[in-house]
Amino acid sequence: MNAKAREARILKRAKEIAATGDHIGWFYVAHALTGEPLALQVLEKEPNRSEIDAICGKATKRKWAAQRR
């Protein structure tokens, strides 16, 4: 698998994890990808970092709002 494909796979999986609302930011998502040694390097780059943080923020708010009902 080439580097671009691997990065795309990591980013796709990171977005899925971020959308769960279980993590508050990119750093925590990167560590949730324990089986992927390049996750931290991929997710610390901009715009990946900001995108994952935004997904985490929306998902976390949605999750907390649902739990308060």
C-alpha atoms as a PDB file:
ATOM      1  CA  MET A   1       0.000   0.000   0.000  1.00  0.00           C
ATOM      2  CA  ASN A   2       1.463   3.366  -0.965  1.00  0.00           C
ATOM      3  CA  ALA A   3       1.802   6.313   1.436  1.00  0.00           C
ATOM      4  CA  LYS A   4      -1.158   8.293   0.031  1.00  0.00           C
ATOM      5  CA  ALA A   5      -3.497   5.310   0.283  1.00  0.00           C
ATOM      6  CA  ARG A   6      -2.342   4.563   3.817  1.00  0.00           C
ATOM      7  CA  GLU A   7      -2.838   8.182   4.873  1.00  0.00           C
ATOM      8  CA  ALA A   8      -6.319   8.207   3.329  1.00  0.00           C
ATOM      9  CA  ARG A   9      -7.211   5.001   5.189  1.00  0.00           C
ATOM     10  CA  ILE A  10      -5.975   6.442   8.493  1.00  0.00           C
ATOM     11  CA  LEU A  11      -7.895   9.668   7.951  1.00  0.00           C
ATOM     12  CA  LYS A  12     -11.096   7.797   7.054  1.00  0.00           C
ATOM     13  CA  ARG A  13     -10.859   5.661  10.187  1.00  0.00           C
ATOM     14  CA  ALA A  14     -10.029   8.721  12.306  1.00  0.00           C
ATOM     15  CA  LYS A  15     -13.170  10.478  11.050  1.00  0.00           C
ATOM     16  CA  GLU A  16     -15.251   7.434  11.968  1.00  0.00           C
ATOM     17  CA  ILE A  17     -13.769   7.365  15.471  1.00  0.00           C
ATOM     18  CA  ALA A  18     -14.168  11.122  15.923  1.00  0.00           C
ATOM     19  CA  ALA A  19     -17.841  10.912  14.898  1.00  0.00           C
ATOM     20  CA  THR A  20     -18.615   8.617  17.844  1.00  0.00           C
ATOM     21  CA  GLY A  21     -18.355  11.506  20.296  1.00  0.00           C
ATOM     22  CA  ASP A  22     -16.100   9.453  22.555  1.00  0.00           C
ATOM     23  CA  HIS A  23     -13.016  11.641  22.043  1.00  0.00           C
ATOM     24  CA  ILE A  24     -12.473  15.369  22.553  1.00  0.00           C
ATOM     25  CA  GLY A  25      -9.795  15.969  19.943  1.00  0.00           C
ATOM     26  CA  TRP A  26      -7.385  14.717  17.303  1.00  0.00           C
ATOM     27  CA  PHE A  27      -4.752  13.590  19.824  1.00  0.00           C
ATOM     28  CA  TYR A  28      -7.145  11.185  21.527  1.00  0.00           C
ATOM     29  CA  VAL A  29      -8.390   9.885  18.192  1.00  0.00           C
ATOM     30  CA  ALA A  30      -4.797   9.244  17.115  1.00  0.00           C
ATOM     31  CA  HIS A  31      -4.193   7.206  20.254  1.00  0.00           C
ATOM     32  CA  ALA A  32      -7.407   5.261  19.661  1.00  0.00           C
ATOM     33  CA  LEU A  33      -5.798   4.077  16.425  1.00  0.00           C
ATOM     34  CA  THR A  34      -3.336   1.950  18.377  1.00  0.00           C
ATOM     35  CA  GLY A  35      -2.753  -0.512  15.557  1.00  0.00           C
ATOM     36  CA  GLU A  36      -1.632   2.234  13.181  1.00  0.00           C
ATOM     37  CA  PRO A  37       1.846   3.570  13.989  1.00  0.00           C
ATOM     38  CA  LEU A  38       1.575   6.494  11.537  1.00  0.00           C
ATOM     39  CA  ALA A  39      -1.728   7.797  12.928  1.00  0.00           C
ATOM     40  CA  LEU A  40      -0.104  10.467  15.094  1.00  0.00           C
ATOM     41  CA  GLN A  41       2.004  11.762  12.197  1.00  0.00           C
ATOM     42  CA  VAL A  42      -0.988  11.897   9.834  1.00  0.00           C
ATOM     43  CA  LEU A  43      -3.405  13.516  12.271  1.00  0.00           C
ATOM     44  CA  GLU A  44      -1.039  16.171  13.611  1.00  0.00           C
ATOM     45  CA  LYS A  45      -0.792  17.720  10.118  1.00  0.00           C
ATOM     46  CA  GLU A  46      -3.068  20.553   9.104  1.00  0.00           C
ATOM     47  CA  PRO A  47      -5.798  20.470   7.811  1.00  0.00           C
ATOM     48  CA  ASN A  48      -6.289  16.917   9.166  1.00  0.00           C
ATOM     49  CA  ARG A  49      -5.875  18.120  12.737  1.00  0.00           C
ATOM     50  CA  SER A  50      -8.523  20.841  12.443  1.00  0.00           C
ATOM     51  CA  GLU A  51     -10.936  18.558  10.593  1.00  0.00           C
ATOM     52  CA  ILE A  52     -10.754  15.842  13.243  1.00  0.00           C
ATOM     53  CA  ASP A  53     -11.100  18.420  16.040  1.00  0.00           C
ATOM     54  CA  ALA A  54     -14.220  19.845  14.370  1.00  0.00           C
ATOM     55  CA  ILE A  55     -15.781  16.400  13.975  1.00  0.00           C
ATOM     56  CA  CYS A  56     -14.974  15.586  17.613  1.00  0.00           C
ATOM     57  CA  GLY A  57     -16.498  18.854  18.795  1.00  0.00           C
ATOM     58  CA  LYS A  58     -19.779  18.359  16.948  1.00  0.00           C
ATOM     59  CA  ALA A  59     -20.065  14.700  17.892  1.00  0.00           C
ATOM     60  CA  THR A  60     -19.275  15.336  21.554  1.00  0.00           C
ATOM     61  CA  LYS A  61     -21.900  18.094  21.795  1.00  0.00           C
ATOM     62  CA  ARG A  62     -24.464  15.854  20.090  1.00  0.00           C
ATOM     63  CA  LYS A  63     -23.663  12.951  22.417  1.00  0.00           C
ATOM     64  CA  TRP A  64     -23.898  15.070  25.573  1.00  0.00           C
ATOM     65  CA  ALA A  65     -27.133  16.696  24.420  1.00  0.00           C
ATOM     66  CA  ALA A  66     -28.680  13.290  23.793  1.00  0.00           C
ATOM     67  CA  GLN A  67     -27.640  12.048  27.224  1.00  0.00           C
ATOM     68  CA  ARG A  68     -29.191  15.050  28.967  1.00  0.00           C
ATOM     69  CA  ARG A  69     -32.679  14.357  27.550  1.00  0.00           C
END
